[in-house]
């Protein structure tokens, strides 16, 4: 039989990483919109004010550069 030799496995070092935000349809749309905006413009996801009897929805806000 042939003797097989393997190099020792080296696991990559993970530094302090921020958890990735959950992918939601609104975040995906915000990313697509951000890609087509001119440089300096940005897209924000804004949580709506919780109103009595209203539904809890979020909206996209496009912010012009300063």
C-alpha atoms as a PDB file:
ATOM      1  CA  UNK A   1       0.000   0.000   0.000  1.00  0.00           C
ATOM      2  CA  UNK A   2       1.001   3.586  -0.433  1.00  0.00           C
ATOM      3  CA  UNK A   3       1.760   5.697   2.621  1.00  0.00           C
ATOM      4  CA  UNK A   4      -0.156   8.940   2.507  1.00  0.00           C
ATOM      5  CA  UNK A   5       1.178  12.043   4.203  1.00  0.00           C
ATOM      6  CA  UNK A   6      -0.946  15.085   4.901  1.00  0.00           C
ATOM      7  CA  UNK A   7       0.087  18.558   5.979  1.00  0.00           C
ATOM      8  CA  UNK A   8      -1.333  19.577   9.348  1.00  0.00           C
ATOM      9  CA  UNK A   9      -4.639  21.417   9.063  1.00  0.00           C
ATOM     10  CA  UNK A  10      -4.463  25.112   9.933  1.00  0.00           C
ATOM     11  CA  UNK A  11      -7.786  26.694  10.755  1.00  0.00           C
ATOM     12  CA  UNK A  12      -8.168  30.334   9.729  1.00  0.00           C
ATOM     13  CA  UNK A  13      -8.039  32.807  12.578  1.00  0.00           C
ATOM     14  CA  UNK A  14     -11.306  34.631  13.115  1.00  0.00           C
ATOM     15  CA  UNK A  15     -10.969  38.083  14.585  1.00  0.00           C
ATOM     16  CA  UNK A  16     -13.772  40.118  16.053  1.00  0.00           C
ATOM     17  CA  UNK A  17     -16.339  40.013  13.302  1.00  0.00           C
ATOM     18  CA  UNK A  18     -19.715  41.639  13.337  1.00  0.00           C
ATOM     19  CA  UNK A  19     -22.581  39.273  12.746  1.00  0.00           C
ATOM     20  CA  UNK A  20     -23.996  39.568   9.268  1.00  0.00           C
ATOM     21  CA  UNK A  21     -27.408  41.194   9.196  1.00  0.00           C
ATOM     22  CA  UNK A  22     -30.262  38.896   8.348  1.00  0.00           C
ATOM     23  CA  UNK A  23     -31.085  38.900   4.664  1.00  0.00           C
ATOM     24  CA  UNK A  24     -34.590  40.181   4.215  1.00  0.00           C
ATOM     25  CA  UNK A  25     -36.383  41.322   1.067  1.00  0.00           C
ATOM     26  CA  UNK A  26     -36.124  44.943   2.230  1.00  0.00           C
ATOM     27  CA  UNK A  27     -32.345  44.656   2.799  1.00  0.00           C
ATOM     28  CA  UNK A  28     -31.887  43.028  -0.611  1.00  0.00           C
ATOM     29  CA  UNK A  29     -33.833  45.845  -2.285  1.00  0.00           C
ATOM     30  CA  UNK A  30     -31.797  48.425  -0.371  1.00  0.00           C
ATOM     31  CA  UNK A  31     -28.589  46.805  -1.617  1.00  0.00           C
ATOM     32  CA  UNK A  32     -29.795  46.832  -5.219  1.00  0.00           C
ATOM     33  CA  UNK A  33     -30.825  50.471  -4.940  1.00  0.00           C
ATOM     34  CA  UNK A  34     -27.480  51.410  -3.365  1.00  0.00           C
ATOM     35  CA  UNK A  35     -25.622  49.896  -6.327  1.00  0.00           C
ATOM     36  CA  UNK A  36     -27.333  52.182  -8.864  1.00  0.00           C
ATOM     37  CA  UNK A  37     -27.168  55.438  -6.903  1.00  0.00           C
ATOM     38  CA  UNK A  38     -24.473  58.027  -7.693  1.00  0.00           C
ATOM     39  CA  UNK A  39     -21.386  58.104  -5.425  1.00  0.00           C
ATOM     40  CA  UNK A  40     -22.050  59.686  -2.041  1.00  0.00           C
ATOM     41  CA  UNK A  41     -25.728  58.788  -1.927  1.00  0.00           C
ATOM     42  CA  UNK A  42     -26.797  56.152   0.559  1.00  0.00           C
ATOM     43  CA  UNK A  43     -29.812  54.037   1.392  1.00  0.00           C
ATOM     44  CA  UNK A  44     -31.094  53.657   4.946  1.00  0.00           C
ATOM     45  CA  UNK A  45     -33.690  51.273   6.290  1.00  0.00           C
ATOM     46  CA  UNK A  46     -35.968  53.207   8.627  1.00  0.00           C
ATOM     47  CA  UNK A  47     -38.240  51.556  11.143  1.00  0.00           C
ATOM     48  CA  UNK A  48     -41.633  53.161  11.203  1.00  0.00           C
ATOM     49  CA  UNK A  49     -43.109  54.603  14.342  1.00  0.00           C
ATOM     50  CA  UNK A  50     -45.290  52.083  16.038  1.00  0.00           C
ATOM     51  CA  UNK A  51     -48.761  53.529  15.930  1.00  0.00           C
ATOM     52  CA  UNK A  52     -51.676  52.149  17.874  1.00  0.00           C
ATOM     53  CA  UNK A  53     -53.693  49.986  15.520  1.00  0.00           C
ATOM     54  CA  UNK A  54     -51.108  50.376  12.754  1.00  0.00           C
ATOM     55  CA  UNK A  55     -48.851  47.759  11.308  1.00  0.00           C
ATOM     56  CA  UNK A  56     -45.115  47.693  12.038  1.00  0.00           C
ATOM     57  CA  UNK A  57     -43.449  48.330   8.704  1.00  0.00           C
ATOM     58  CA  UNK A  58     -40.108  49.703   7.640  1.00  0.00           C
ATOM     59  CA  UNK A  59     -39.236  51.955   4.730  1.00  0.00           C
ATOM     60  CA  UNK A  60     -36.223  52.820   2.596  1.00  0.00           C
ATOM     61  CA  UNK A  61     -34.786  56.332   2.785  1.00  0.00           C
ATOM     62  CA  UNK A  62     -32.419  57.681   0.131  1.00  0.00           C
ATOM     63  CA  UNK A  63     -30.020  60.238   1.610  1.00  0.00           C
ATOM     64  CA  UNK A  64     -28.277  62.861  -0.542  1.00  0.00           C
ATOM     65  CA  UNK A  65     -24.584  63.546   0.026  1.00  0.00           C
ATOM     66  CA  UNK A  66     -23.689  66.494   2.262  1.00  0.00           C
END
